[in-house]
PDB file of N, CA and C in Angstrom:
ATOM      1  N   MET A   1      28.727   0.278  32.474  1.00  0.00           N
ATOM      2  CA  MET A   1      30.133   0.295  32.825  1.00  0.00           C
ATOM      3  C   MET A   1      30.993   0.625  31.603  1.00  0.00           C
ATOM      4  N   ILE A   2      31.046  -0.272  30.626  1.00  0.00           N
ATOM      5  CA  ILE A   2      31.793  -0.005  29.398  1.00  0.00           C
ATOM      6  C   ILE A   2      30.885  -0.287  28.213  1.00  0.00           C
ATOM      7  N   GLN A   3      31.243   0.295  27.089  1.00  0.00           N
ATOM      8  CA  GLN A   3      30.473   0.080  25.868  1.00  0.00           C
ATOM      9  C   GLN A   3      31.419  -0.269  24.732  1.00  0.00           C
ATOM     10  N   LEU A   4      30.948  -1.101  23.834  1.00  0.00           N
ATOM     11  CA  LEU A   4      31.676  -1.421  22.614  1.00  0.00           C
ATOM     12  C   LEU A   4      30.845  -0.944  21.438  1.00  0.00           C
ATOM     13  N   SER A   5      31.482  -0.233  20.528  1.00  0.00           N
ATOM     14  CA  SER A   5      30.784   0.207  19.324  1.00  0.00           C
ATOM     15  C   SER A   5      30.511  -1.016  18.447  1.00  0.00           C
ATOM     16  N   PRO A   6      29.566  -0.923  17.521  1.00  0.00           N
ATOM     17  CA  PRO A   6      29.323  -2.044  16.608  1.00  0.00           C
ATOM     18  C   PRO A   6      30.583  -2.471  15.850  1.00  0.00           C
ATOM     19  N   SER A   7      31.423  -1.523  15.456  1.00  0.00           N
ATOM     20  CA  SER A   7      32.647  -1.891  14.732  1.00  0.00           C
ATOM     21  C   SER A   7      33.638  -2.605  15.650  1.00  0.00           C
ATOM     22  N   ALA A   8      33.688  -2.247  16.931  1.00  0.00           N
ATOM     23  CA  ALA A   8      34.558  -2.952  17.881  1.00  0.00           C
ATOM     24  C   ALA A   8      34.051  -4.375  18.100  1.00  0.00           C
ATOM     25  N   VAL A   9      32.740  -4.536  18.212  1.00  0.00           N
ATOM     26  CA  VAL A   9      32.156  -5.874  18.372  1.00  0.00           C
ATOM     27  C   VAL A   9      32.500  -6.739  17.163  1.00  0.00           C
ATOM     28  N   ARG A  10      32.365  -6.186  15.963  1.00  0.00           N
ATOM     29  CA  ARG A  10      32.692  -6.946  14.745  1.00  0.00           C
ATOM     30  C   ARG A  10      34.160  -7.361  14.732  1.00  0.00           C
ATOM     31  N   GLU A  11      35.055  -6.452  15.125  1.00  0.00           N
ATOM     32  CA  GLU A  11      36.485  -6.765  15.094  1.00  0.00           C
ATOM     33  C   GLU A  11      36.852  -7.807  16.148  1.00  0.00           C
ATOM     34  N   VAL A  12      36.321  -7.698  17.343  1.00  0.00           N
ATOM     35  CA  VAL A  12      36.606  -8.707  18.375  1.00  0.00           C
ATOM     36  C   VAL A  12      36.053 -10.060  17.936  1.00  0.00           C
ATOM     37  N   THR A  13      34.869 -10.072  17.365  1.00  0.00           N
ATOM     38  CA  THR A  13      34.278 -11.315  16.857  1.00  0.00           C
ATOM     39  C   THR A  13      35.154 -11.907  15.756  1.00  0.00           C
ATOM     40  N   ARG A  14      35.667 -11.067  14.877  1.00  0.00           N
ATOM     41  CA  ARG A  14      36.569 -11.534  13.819  1.00  0.00           C
ATOM     42  C   ARG A  14      37.847 -12.118  14.422  1.00  0.00           C
ATOM     43  N   MET A  15      38.409 -11.445  15.415  1.00  0.00           N
ATOM     44  CA  MET A  15      39.625 -11.931  16.077  1.00  0.00           C
ATOM     45  C   MET A  15      39.376 -13.290  16.734  1.00  0.00           C
ATOM     46  N   LYS A  16      38.235 -13.425  17.414  1.00  0.00           N
ATOM     47  CA  LYS A  16      37.902 -14.690  18.069  1.00  0.00           C
ATOM     48  C   LYS A  16      37.738 -15.814  17.056  1.00  0.00           C
ATOM     49  N   SER A  17      37.222 -15.504  15.872  1.00  0.00           N
ATOM     50  CA  SER A  17      36.966 -16.534  14.859  1.00  0.00           C
ATOM     51  C   SER A  17      38.249 -17.162  14.327  1.00  0.00           C
ATOM     52  N   LYS A  18      39.377 -16.510  14.531  1.00  0.00           N
ATOM     53  CA  LYS A  18      40.662 -17.041  14.067  1.00  0.00           C
ATOM     54  C   LYS A  18      41.222 -18.108  15.004  1.00  0.00           C
ATOM     55  N   HIS A  19      40.563 -18.321  16.141  1.00  0.00           N
ATOM     56  CA  HIS A  19      41.035 -19.281  17.137  1.00  0.00           C
ATOM     57  C   HIS A  19      40.043 -20.438  17.264  1.00  0.00           C
ATOM     58  N   GLN A  20      40.540 -21.578  17.657  1.00  0.00           N
ATOM     59  CA  GLN A  20      39.701 -22.764  17.833  1.00  0.00           C
ATOM     60  C   GLN A  20      38.985 -22.783  19.185  1.00  0.00           C
ATOM     61  N   ASN A  21      39.407 -21.940  20.112  1.00  0.00           N
ATOM     62  CA  ASN A  21      38.896 -21.963  21.477  1.00  0.00           C
ATOM     63  C   ASN A  21      37.575 -21.186  21.591  1.00  0.00           C
ATOM     64  N   PRO A  22      36.462 -21.871  21.861  1.00  0.00           N
ATOM     65  CA  PRO A  22      35.173 -21.180  21.968  1.00  0.00           C
ATOM     66  C   PRO A  22      35.007 -20.409  23.282  1.00  0.00           C
ATOM     67  N   ASN A  23      35.928 -20.614  24.237  1.00  0.00           N
ATOM     68  CA  ASN A  23      35.826 -19.976  25.549  1.00  0.00           C
ATOM     69  C   ASN A  23      36.536 -18.630  25.636  1.00  0.00           C
ATOM     70  N   LEU A  24      37.054 -18.143  24.528  1.00  0.00           N
ATOM     71  CA  LEU A  24      37.776 -16.871  24.553  1.00  0.00           C
ATOM     72  C   LEU A  24      36.836 -15.705  24.846  1.00  0.00           C
ATOM     73  N   PHE A  25      37.338 -14.763  25.610  1.00  0.00           N
ATOM     74  CA  PHE A  25      36.611 -13.532  25.896  1.00  0.00           C
ATOM     75  C   PHE A  25      37.591 -12.371  25.800  1.00  0.00           C
ATOM     76  N   LEU A  26      37.069 -11.169  25.785  1.00  0.00           N
ATOM     77  CA  LEU A  26      37.895  -9.971  25.696  1.00  0.00           C
ATOM     78  C   LEU A  26      38.299  -9.534  27.098  1.00  0.00           C
ATOM     79  N   ARG A  27      39.585  -9.326  27.301  1.00  0.00           N
ATOM     80  CA  ARG A  27      40.092  -8.800  28.569  1.00  0.00           C
ATOM     81  C   ARG A  27      40.614  -7.385  28.330  1.00  0.00           C
ATOM     82  N   LEU A  28      40.066  -6.433  29.074  1.00  0.00           N
ATOM     83  CA  LEU A  28      40.528  -5.049  29.027  1.00  0.00           C
ATOM     84  C   LEU A  28      41.250  -4.736  30.330  1.00  0.00           C
ATOM     85  N   GLY A  29      42.316  -3.953  30.228  1.00  0.00           N
ATOM     86  CA  GLY A  29      43.057  -3.587  31.423  1.00  0.00           C
ATOM     87  C   GLY A  29      43.792  -2.279  31.248  1.00  0.00           C
ATOM     88  N   VAL A  30      44.496  -1.901  32.297  1.00  0.00           N
ATOM     89  CA  VAL A  30      45.306  -0.686  32.317  1.00  0.00           C
ATOM     90  C   VAL A  30      46.623  -1.021  33.000  1.00  0.00           C
ATOM     91  N   GLU A  31      47.709  -0.522  32.441  1.00  0.00           N
ATOM     92  CA  GLU A  31      49.045  -0.702  33.024  1.00  0.00           C
ATOM     93  C   GLU A  31      49.704   0.666  33.152  1.00  0.00           C
ATOM     94  N   ARG A  32      50.674   0.749  34.026  1.00  0.00           N
ATOM     95  CA  ARG A  32      51.466   1.983  34.136  1.00  0.00           C
ATOM     96  C   ARG A  32      52.476   2.027  33.001  1.00  0.00           C
ATOM     97  N   GLY A  33      52.634   3.200  32.392  1.00  0.00           N
ATOM     98  CA  GLY A  33      53.592   3.370  31.306  1.00  0.00           C
ATOM     99  C   GLY A  33      52.987   4.198  30.193  1.00  0.00           C
ATOM    100  N   GLY A  34      53.626   4.185  29.062  1.00  0.00           N
ATOM    101  CA  GLY A  34      53.135   4.951  27.924  1.00  0.00           C
ATOM    102  C   GLY A  34      53.490   6.420  28.037  1.00  0.00           C
ATOM    103  N   CYS A  35      53.116   7.168  27.052  1.00  0.00           N
ATOM    104  CA  CYS A  35      53.451   8.598  26.950  1.00  0.00           C
ATOM    105  C   CYS A  35      52.831   9.430  28.066  1.00  0.00           C
ATOM    106  N   SER A  36      51.638   9.057  28.519  1.00  0.00           N
ATOM    107  CA  SER A  36      50.907   9.882  29.490  1.00  0.00           C
ATOM    108  C   SER A  36      50.832   9.267  30.881  1.00  0.00           C
ATOM    109  N   GLY A  37      51.502   8.141  31.101  1.00  0.00           N
ATOM    110  CA  GLY A  37      51.537   7.547  32.434  1.00  0.00           C
ATOM    111  C   GLY A  37      50.772   6.245  32.581  1.00  0.00           C
ATOM    112  N   LEU A  38      49.715   6.068  31.798  1.00  0.00           N
ATOM    113  CA  LEU A  38      48.908   4.850  31.827  1.00  0.00           C
ATOM    114  C   LEU A  38      48.595   4.450  30.394  1.00  0.00           C
ATOM    115  N   TYR A  39      48.429   3.145  30.165  1.00  0.00           N
ATOM    116  CA  TYR A  39      48.010   2.711  28.833  1.00  0.00           C
ATOM    117  C   TYR A  39      47.050   1.536  28.945  1.00  0.00           C
ATOM    118  N   TYR A  40      46.226   1.402  27.931  1.00  0.00           N
ATOM    119  CA  TYR A  40      45.219   0.352  27.886  1.00  0.00           C
ATOM    120  C   TYR A  40      45.826  -0.948  27.388  1.00  0.00           C
ATOM    121  N   THR A  41      45.306  -2.062  27.901  1.00  0.00           N
ATOM    122  CA  THR A  41      45.659  -3.377  27.372  1.00  0.00           C
ATOM    123  C   THR A  41      44.377  -4.039  26.886  1.00  0.00           C
ATOM    124  N   LEU A  42      44.509  -4.834  25.864  1.00  0.00           N
ATOM    125  CA  LEU A  42      43.374  -5.511  25.252  1.00  0.00           C
ATOM    126  C   LEU A  42      43.890  -6.838  24.727  1.00  0.00           C
ATOM    127  N   GLU A  43      43.251  -7.933  25.120  1.00  0.00           N
ATOM    128  CA  GLU A  43      43.675  -9.247  24.644  1.00  0.00           C
ATOM    129  C   GLU A  43      42.511 -10.226  24.714  1.00  0.00           C
ATOM    130  N   LEU A  44      42.636 -11.300  23.968  1.00  0.00           N
ATOM    131  CA  LEU A  44      41.700 -12.407  24.094  1.00  0.00           C
ATOM    132  C   LEU A  44      42.265 -13.351  25.142  1.00  0.00           C
ATOM    133  N   ASP A  45      41.397 -13.865  25.999  1.00  0.00           N
ATOM    134  CA  ASP A  45      41.830 -14.712  27.111  1.00  0.00           C
ATOM    135  C   ASP A  45      40.776 -15.786  27.329  1.00  0.00           C
ATOM    136  N   ASP A  46      41.156 -16.861  27.995  1.00  0.00           N
ATOM    137  CA  ASP A  46      40.178 -17.892  28.348  1.00  0.00           C
ATOM    138  C   ASP A  46      40.284 -18.279  29.817  1.00  0.00           C
ATOM    139  N   ASN A  47      40.999 -17.472  30.596  1.00  0.00           N
ATOM    140  CA  ASN A  47      41.243 -17.780  31.996  1.00  0.00           C
ATOM    141  C   ASN A  47      40.724 -16.652  32.887  1.00  0.00           C
ATOM    142  N   LEU A  48      39.545 -16.859  33.464  1.00  0.00           N
ATOM    143  CA  LEU A  48      39.010 -15.864  34.396  1.00  0.00           C
ATOM    144  C   LEU A  48      39.775 -15.942  35.706  1.00  0.00           C
ATOM    145  N   LYS A  49      40.064 -14.794  36.276  1.00  0.00           N
ATOM    146  CA  LYS A  49      40.764 -14.720  37.551  1.00  0.00           C
ATOM    147  C   LYS A  49      39.753 -14.384  38.647  1.00  0.00           C
ATOM    148  N   PRO A  50      40.065 -14.739  39.898  1.00  0.00           N
ATOM    149  CA  PRO A  50      39.093 -14.527  40.983  1.00  0.00           C
ATOM    150  C   PRO A  50      38.630 -13.081  41.149  1.00  0.00           C
ATOM    151  N   ASP A  51      39.483 -12.110  40.834  1.00  0.00           N
ATOM    152  CA  ASP A  51      39.091 -10.704  41.029  1.00  0.00           C
ATOM    153  C   ASP A  51      38.506 -10.063  39.774  1.00  0.00           C
ATOM    154  N   ASP A  52      38.273 -10.839  38.735  1.00  0.00           N
ATOM    155  CA  ASP A  52      37.706 -10.297  37.501  1.00  0.00           C
ATOM    156  C   ASP A  52      36.242  -9.912  37.678  1.00  0.00           C
ATOM    157  N   HIS A  53      35.876  -8.823  37.051  1.00  0.00           N
ATOM    158  CA  HIS A  53      34.477  -8.436  36.912  1.00  0.00           C
ATOM    159  C   HIS A  53      34.118  -8.709  35.456  1.00  0.00           C
ATOM    160  N   VAL A  54      33.029  -9.422  35.240  1.00  0.00           N
ATOM    161  CA  VAL A  54      32.652  -9.858  33.898  1.00  0.00           C
ATOM    162  C   VAL A  54      31.384  -9.124  33.463  1.00  0.00           C
ATOM    163  N   PHE A  55      31.413  -8.634  32.232  1.00  0.00           N
ATOM    164  CA  PHE A  55      30.301  -7.880  31.660  1.00  0.00           C
ATOM    165  C   PHE A  55      29.913  -8.501  30.324  1.00  0.00           C
ATOM    166  N   ASN A  56      28.652  -8.329  29.949  1.00  0.00           N
ATOM    167  CA  ASN A  56      28.189  -8.715  28.627  1.00  0.00           C
ATOM    168  C   ASN A  56      27.985  -7.429  27.841  1.00  0.00           C
ATOM    169  N   CYS A  57      28.795  -7.245  26.827  1.00  0.00           N
ATOM    170  CA  CYS A  57      28.719  -6.037  25.996  1.00  0.00           C
ATOM    171  C   CYS A  57      28.345  -6.442  24.581  1.00  0.00           C
ATOM    172  N   SER A  58      27.117  -6.195  24.218  1.00  0.00           N
ATOM    173  CA  SER A  58      26.629  -6.516  22.870  1.00  0.00           C
ATOM    174  C   SER A  58      26.877  -7.974  22.514  1.00  0.00           C
ATOM    175  N   GLY A  59      26.668  -8.856  23.482  1.00  0.00           N
ATOM    176  CA  GLY A  59      26.834 -10.284  23.245  1.00  0.00           C
ATOM    177  C   GLY A  59      28.244 -10.801  23.437  1.00  0.00           C
ATOM    178  N   LEU A  60      29.193  -9.927  23.727  1.00  0.00           N
ATOM    179  CA  LEU A  60      30.572 -10.346  23.973  1.00  0.00           C
ATOM    180  C   LEU A  60      30.859 -10.338  25.467  1.00  0.00           C
ATOM    181  N   LYS A  61      31.555 -11.364  25.918  1.00  0.00           N
ATOM    182  CA  LYS A  61      31.990 -11.438  27.307  1.00  0.00           C
ATOM    183  C   LYS A  61      33.262 -10.609  27.457  1.00  0.00           C
ATOM    184  N   VAL A  62      33.247  -9.667  28.413  1.00  0.00           N
ATOM    185  CA  VAL A  62      34.386  -8.781  28.657  1.00  0.00           C
ATOM    186  C   VAL A  62      34.761  -8.889  30.127  1.00  0.00           C
ATOM    187  N   ALA A  63      36.048  -9.131  30.406  1.00  0.00           N
ATOM    188  CA  ALA A  63      36.542  -9.225  31.779  1.00  0.00           C
ATOM    189  C   ALA A  63      37.479  -8.062  32.070  1.00  0.00           C
ATOM    190  N   ILE A  64      37.340  -7.520  33.270  1.00  0.00           N
ATOM    191  CA  ILE A  64      38.201  -6.434  33.738  1.00  0.00           C
ATOM    192  C   ILE A  64      38.614  -6.763  35.165  1.00  0.00           C
ATOM    193  N   ALA A  65      39.914  -6.726  35.442  1.00  0.00           N
ATOM    194  CA  ALA A  65      40.402  -6.960  36.797  1.00  0.00           C
ATOM    195  C   ALA A  65      39.907  -5.851  37.712  1.00  0.00           C
ATOM    196  N   ALA A  66      39.631  -6.199  38.963  1.00  0.00           N
ATOM    197  CA  ALA A  66      39.109  -5.228  39.927  1.00  0.00           C
ATOM    198  C   ALA A  66      39.996  -3.996  40.029  1.00  0.00           C
ATOM    199  N   LYS A  67      41.309  -4.180  39.970  1.00  0.00           N
ATOM    200  CA  LYS A  67      42.222  -3.037  40.125  1.00  0.00           C
ATOM    201  C   LYS A  67      42.125  -2.045  38.965  1.00  0.00           C
ATOM    202  N   CYS A  68      41.538  -2.465  37.849  1.00  0.00           N
ATOM    203  CA  CYS A  68      41.433  -1.596  36.664  1.00  0.00           C
ATOM    204  C   CYS A  68      40.068  -0.935  36.515  1.00  0.00           C
ATOM    205  N   LEU A  69      39.095  -1.357  37.291  1.00  0.00           N
ATOM    206  CA  LEU A  69      37.723  -0.868  37.097  1.00  0.00           C
ATOM    207  C   LEU A  69      37.608   0.650  37.148  1.00  0.00           C
ATOM    208  N   ASN A  70      38.234   1.283  38.115  1.00  0.00           N
ATOM    209  CA  ASN A  70      38.103   2.742  38.237  1.00  0.00           C
ATOM    210  C   ASN A  70      38.737   3.480  37.072  1.00  0.00           C
ATOM    211  N   TYR A  71      39.747   2.889  36.472  1.00  0.00           N
ATOM    212  CA  TYR A  71      40.393   3.517  35.319  1.00  0.00           C
ATOM    213  C   TYR A  71      39.525   3.423  34.062  1.00  0.00           C
ATOM    214  N   ILE A  72      38.704   2.376  33.992  1.00  0.00           N
ATOM    215  CA  ILE A  72      37.985   2.058  32.758  1.00  0.00           C
ATOM    216  C   ILE A  72      36.495   2.404  32.841  1.00  0.00           C
ATOM    217  N   ALA A  73      36.034   2.859  33.984  1.00  0.00           N
ATOM    218  CA  ALA A  73      34.610   3.166  34.141  1.00  0.00           C
ATOM    219  C   ALA A  73      34.147   4.113  33.029  1.00  0.00           C
ATOM    220  N   ASN A  74      33.060   3.765  32.393  1.00  0.00           N
ATOM    221  CA  ASN A  74      32.439   4.564  31.318  1.00  0.00           C
ATOM    222  C   ASN A  74      33.251   4.619  30.027  1.00  0.00           C
ATOM    223  N   LEU A  75      34.185   3.715  29.860  1.00  0.00           N
ATOM    224  CA  LEU A  75      34.987   3.642  28.635  1.00  0.00           C
ATOM    225  C   LEU A  75      34.120   3.184  27.462  1.00  0.00           C
ATOM    226  N   THR A  76      34.351   3.762  26.302  1.00  0.00           N
ATOM    227  CA  THR A  76      33.766   3.268  25.058  1.00  0.00           C
ATOM    228  C   THR A  76      34.905   2.797  24.174  1.00  0.00           C
ATOM    229  N   LEU A  77      34.835   1.543  23.754  1.00  0.00           N
ATOM    230  CA  LEU A  77      35.840   0.971  22.866  1.00  0.00           C
ATOM    231  C   LEU A  77      35.296   0.995  21.449  1.00  0.00           C
ATOM    232  N   ASP A  78      36.071   1.564  20.547  1.00  0.00           N
ATOM    233  CA  ASP A  78      35.679   1.670  19.149  1.00  0.00           C
ATOM    234  C   ASP A  78      36.772   1.024  18.302  1.00  0.00           C
ATOM    235  N   TYR A  79      36.465   0.761  17.051  1.00  0.00           N
ATOM    236  CA  TYR A  79      37.440   0.230  16.104  1.00  0.00           C
ATOM    237  C   TYR A  79      37.240   0.960  14.790  1.00  0.00           C
ATOM    238  N   SER A  80      38.348   1.395  14.200  1.00  0.00           N
ATOM    239  CA  SER A  80      38.230   2.064  12.902  1.00  0.00           C
ATOM    240  C   SER A  80      39.408   1.694  12.019  1.00  0.00           C
ATOM    241  N   GLU A  81      39.185   1.811  10.732  1.00  0.00           N
ATOM    242  CA  GLU A  81      40.218   1.524   9.745  1.00  0.00           C
ATOM    243  C   GLU A  81      40.459   2.768   8.910  1.00  0.00           C
ATOM    244  N   ASP A  82      41.719   2.940   8.524  1.00  0.00           N
ATOM    245  CA  ASP A  82      42.084   4.024   7.619  1.00  0.00           C
ATOM    246  C   ASP A  82      43.171   3.498   6.686  1.00  0.00           C
ATOM    247  N   LEU A  83      43.833   4.362   5.968  1.00  0.00           N
ATOM    248  CA  LEU A  83      44.865   3.927   5.021  1.00  0.00           C
ATOM    249  C   LEU A  83      46.038   3.228   5.699  1.00  0.00           C
ATOM    250  N   MET A  84      46.240   3.489   6.983  1.00  0.00           N
ATOM    251  CA  MET A  84      47.345   2.884   7.729  1.00  0.00           C
ATOM    252  C   MET A  84      46.958   1.540   8.334  1.00  0.00           C
ATOM    253  N   GLY A  85      45.702   1.143   8.227  1.00  0.00           N
ATOM    254  CA  GLY A  85      45.234  -0.110   8.810  1.00  0.00           C
ATOM    255  C   GLY A  85      44.149   0.156   9.833  1.00  0.00           C
ATOM    256  N   GLY A  86      43.847  -0.845  10.628  1.00  0.00           N
ATOM    257  CA  GLY A  86      42.801  -0.717  11.628  1.00  0.00           C
ATOM    258  C   GLY A  86      43.370  -0.730  13.029  1.00  0.00           C
ATOM    259  N   SER A  87      42.637  -0.096  13.946  1.00  0.00           N
ATOM    260  CA  SER A  87      43.055  -0.129  15.346  1.00  0.00           C
ATOM    261  C   SER A  87      41.873   0.199  16.247  1.00  0.00           C
ATOM    262  N   PHE A  88      41.999  -0.253  17.481  1.00  0.00           N
ATOM    263  CA  PHE A  88      40.999   0.065  18.484  1.00  0.00           C
ATOM    264  C   PHE A  88      41.237   1.479  18.990  1.00  0.00           C
ATOM    265  N   ARG A  89      40.154   2.155  19.310  1.00  0.00           N
ATOM    266  CA  ARG A  89      40.198   3.511  19.857  1.00  0.00           C
ATOM    267  C   ARG A  89      39.499   3.480  21.219  1.00  0.00           C
ATOM    268  N   PHE A  90      40.143   4.061  22.196  1.00  0.00           N
ATOM    269  CA  PHE A  90      39.622   4.086  23.558  1.00  0.00           C
ATOM    270  C   PHE A  90      39.123   5.493  23.870  1.00  0.00           C
ATOM    271  N   HIS A  91      37.847   5.612  24.187  1.00  0.00           N
ATOM    272  CA  HIS A  91      37.255   6.903  24.529  1.00  0.00           C
ATOM    273  C   HIS A  91      36.887   6.862  26.012  1.00  0.00           C
ATOM    274  N   ASN A  92      37.690   7.557  26.821  1.00  0.00           N
ATOM    275  CA  ASN A  92      37.532   7.522  28.270  1.00  0.00           C
ATOM    276  C   ASN A  92      37.213   8.928  28.782  1.00  0.00           C
ATOM    277  N   PRO A  93      35.982   9.163  29.247  1.00  0.00           N
ATOM    278  CA  PRO A  93      35.619  10.502  29.714  1.00  0.00           C
ATOM    279  C   PRO A  93      36.362  10.929  30.976  1.00  0.00           C
ATOM    280  N   GLN A  94      36.979   9.987  31.676  1.00  0.00           N
ATOM    281  CA  GLN A  94      37.716  10.313  32.895  1.00  0.00           C
ATOM    282  C   GLN A  94      39.144  10.768  32.622  1.00  0.00           C
ATOM    283  N   ALA A  95      39.654  10.495  31.437  1.00  0.00           N
ATOM    284  CA  ALA A  95      41.042  10.839  31.117  1.00  0.00           C
ATOM    285  C   ALA A  95      41.203  12.355  31.061  1.00  0.00           C
ATOM    286  N   THR A  96      42.211  12.851  31.764  1.00  0.00           N
ATOM    287  CA  THR A  96      42.467  14.295  31.741  1.00  0.00           C
ATOM    288  C   THR A  96      43.378  14.664  30.584  1.00  0.00           C
ATOM    289  N   THR A  97      44.276  13.769  30.224  1.00  0.00           N
ATOM    290  CA  THR A  97      45.120  13.963  29.044  1.00  0.00           C
ATOM    291  C   THR A  97      45.222  12.631  28.328  1.00  0.00           C
ATOM    292  N   LYS A  98      45.477  12.693  27.028  1.00  0.00           N
ATOM    293  CA  LYS A  98      45.714  11.464  26.283  1.00  0.00           C
ATOM    294  C   LYS A  98      46.728  11.745  25.193  1.00  0.00           C
ATOM    295  N   CYS A  99      47.488  10.732  24.884  1.00  0.00           N
ATOM    296  CA  CYS A  99      48.517  10.842  23.863  1.00  0.00           C
ATOM    297  C   CYS A  99      47.859  10.738  22.487  1.00  0.00           C
ATOM    298  N   SER A 100      48.510  11.265  21.493  1.00  0.00           N
ATOM    299  CA  SER A 100      47.954  11.199  20.138  1.00  0.00           C
ATOM    300  C   SER A 100      47.858   9.767  19.626  1.00  0.00           C
ATOM    301  N   CYS A 101      48.595   8.837  20.256  1.00  0.00           N
ATOM    302  CA  CYS A 101      48.511   7.430  19.856  1.00  0.00           C
ATOM    303  C   CYS A 101      47.148   6.840  20.201  1.00  0.00           C
ATOM    304  N   GLY A 102      46.441   7.458  21.153  1.00  0.00           N
ATOM    305  CA  GLY A 102      45.113   6.988  21.529  1.00  0.00           C
ATOM    306  C   GLY A 102      45.108   5.855  22.528  1.00  0.00           C
ATOM    307  N   HIS A 103      46.272   5.374  22.936  1.00  0.00           N
ATOM    308  CA  HIS A 103      46.340   4.250  23.870  1.00  0.00           C
ATOM    309  C   HIS A 103      46.865   4.661  25.233  1.00  0.00           C
ATOM    310  N   SER A 104      47.451   5.827  25.352  1.00  0.00           N
ATOM    311  CA  SER A 104      48.045   6.289  26.602  1.00  0.00           C
ATOM    312  C   SER A 104      47.238   7.466  27.134  1.00  0.00           C
ATOM    313  N   PHE A 105      47.068   7.515  28.459  1.00  0.00           N
ATOM    314  CA  PHE A 105      46.249   8.563  29.064  1.00  0.00           C
ATOM    315  C   PHE A 105      46.690   8.812  30.497  1.00  0.00           C
ATOM    316  N   SER A 106      46.139   9.854  31.091  1.00  0.00           N
ATOM    317  CA  SER A 106      46.360  10.109  32.509  1.00  0.00           C
ATOM    318  C   SER A 106      45.028  10.477  33.145  1.00  0.00           C
ATOM    319  N   MET A 107      44.998  10.354  34.473  1.00  0.00           N
ATOM    320  CA  MET A 107      43.801  10.686  35.240  1.00  0.00           C
ATOM    321  C   MET A 107      44.205  11.552  36.417  1.00  0.00           C
ATOM    322  N   PRO A 108      43.271  12.340  36.941  1.00  0.00           N
ATOM    323  CA  PRO A 108      43.599  13.118  38.138  1.00  0.00           C
ATOM    324  C   PRO A 108      43.842  12.161  39.301  1.00  0.00           C
ATOM    325  N   MET A 109      45.011  12.221  39.889  1.00  0.00           N
ATOM    326  CA  MET A 109      45.380  11.272  40.939  1.00  0.00           C
ATOM    327  C   MET A 109      44.525  11.424  42.191  1.00  0.00           C
ATOM    328  N   ASP A 110      44.158  12.642  42.569  1.00  0.00           N
ATOM    329  CA  ASP A 110      43.379  12.825  43.787  1.00  0.00           C
ATOM    330  C   ASP A 110      42.039  12.114  43.703  1.00  0.00           C
ATOM    331  N   SER A 111      41.336  12.290  42.602  1.00  0.00           N
ATOM    332  CA  SER A 111      40.020  11.660  42.480  1.00  0.00           C
ATOM    333  C   SER A 111      40.151  10.151  42.372  1.00  0.00           C
ATOM    334  N   PHE A 112      41.222   9.679  41.737  1.00  0.00           N
ATOM    335  CA  PHE A 112      41.384   8.233  41.628  1.00  0.00           C
ATOM    336  C   PHE A 112      41.733   7.633  42.979  1.00  0.00           C
ATOM    337  N   SER A 113      42.624   8.273  43.740  1.00  0.00           N
ATOM    338  CA  SER A 113      42.988   7.776  45.064  1.00  0.00           C
ATOM    339  C   SER A 113      41.763   7.703  45.961  1.00  0.00           C
ATOM    340  N   GLU A 114      40.892   8.708  45.856  1.00  0.00           N
ATOM    341  CA  GLU A 114      39.673   8.720  46.651  1.00  0.00           C
ATOM    342  C   GLU A 114      38.794   7.526  46.291  1.00  0.00           C
ATOM    343  N   LYS A 115      38.691   7.206  45.007  1.00  0.00           N
ATOM    344  CA  LYS A 115      37.894   6.059  44.581  1.00  0.00           C
ATOM    345  C   LYS A 115      38.471   4.766  45.139  1.00  0.00           C
ATOM    346  N   ILE A 116      39.800   4.630  45.122  1.00  0.00           N
ATOM    347  CA  ILE A 116      40.429   3.423  45.656  1.00  0.00           C
ATOM    348  C   ILE A 116      40.122   3.303  47.141  1.00  0.00           C
ATOM    349  N   ASP A 117      40.253   4.400  47.887  1.00  0.00           N
ATOM    350  CA  ASP A 117      39.984   4.363  49.318  1.00  0.00           C
ATOM    351  C   ASP A 117      38.549   3.933  49.597  1.00  0.00           C
ATOM    352  N   LYS A 118      37.587   4.454  48.842  1.00  0.00           N
ATOM    353  CA  LYS A 118      36.187   4.083  49.037  1.00  0.00           C
ATOM    354  C   LYS A 118      35.964   2.614  48.705  1.00  0.00           C
ATOM    355  N   ASP A 119      36.561   2.128  47.622  1.00  0.00           N
ATOM    356  CA  ASP A 119      36.397   0.730  47.241  1.00  0.00           C
ATOM    357  C   ASP A 119      37.019  -0.188  48.280  1.00  0.00           C
ATOM    358  N   THR A 120      38.186   0.173  48.792  1.00  0.00           N
ATOM    359  CA  THR A 120      38.853  -0.641  49.800  1.00  0.00           C
ATOM    360  C   THR A 120      38.014  -0.689  51.067  1.00  0.00           C
ATOM    361  N   ALA A 121      37.458   0.442  51.465  1.00  0.00           N
ATOM    362  CA  ALA A 121      36.636   0.485  52.671  1.00  0.00           C
ATOM    363  C   ALA A 121      35.404  -0.399  52.524  1.00  0.00           C
ATOM    364  N   LYS A 122      34.815  -0.443  51.330  1.00  0.00           N
ATOM    365  CA  LYS A 122      33.627  -1.269  51.100  1.00  0.00           C
ATOM    366  C   LYS A 122      33.950  -2.755  51.147  1.00  0.00           C
ATOM    367  N   SER A 123      35.170  -3.123  50.746  1.00  0.00           N
ATOM    368  CA  SER A 123      35.484  -4.544  50.645  1.00  0.00           C
ATOM    369  C   SER A 123      35.982  -5.139  51.955  1.00  0.00           C
ATOM    370  N   VAL A 124      36.210  -4.314  52.975  1.00  0.00           N
ATOM    371  CA  VAL A 124      36.731  -4.819  54.255  1.00  0.00           C
ATOM    372  C   VAL A 124      35.612  -5.380  55.078  1.00  0.00           C
TER     373      VAL A 124
END
């Protein structure tokens, strides 16, 4: 489903180590907005929701809300540092366009709508 590079795993582990809560996990999501219409969200959370899908990625617990799964399918999360600092990089093979910021993207609406229709039909 999704992959985390070794550097992303190290950075998430480092972020988790700054908190006292051992139940924290990585939550990935997608929201409407940004330069290209959609943008990624990434946060540490300790509250699983009923519609969350949970994955184990290189020993890290990752949760994705059901409504975001089609947007994030086959995503690779990376982390890199340069002279400006460090940041996560999202590599999504489904994105048709992406902003130079690396956090905003768009997808073909027809293929995404079709995926939603199929998923809805399966869940009824």
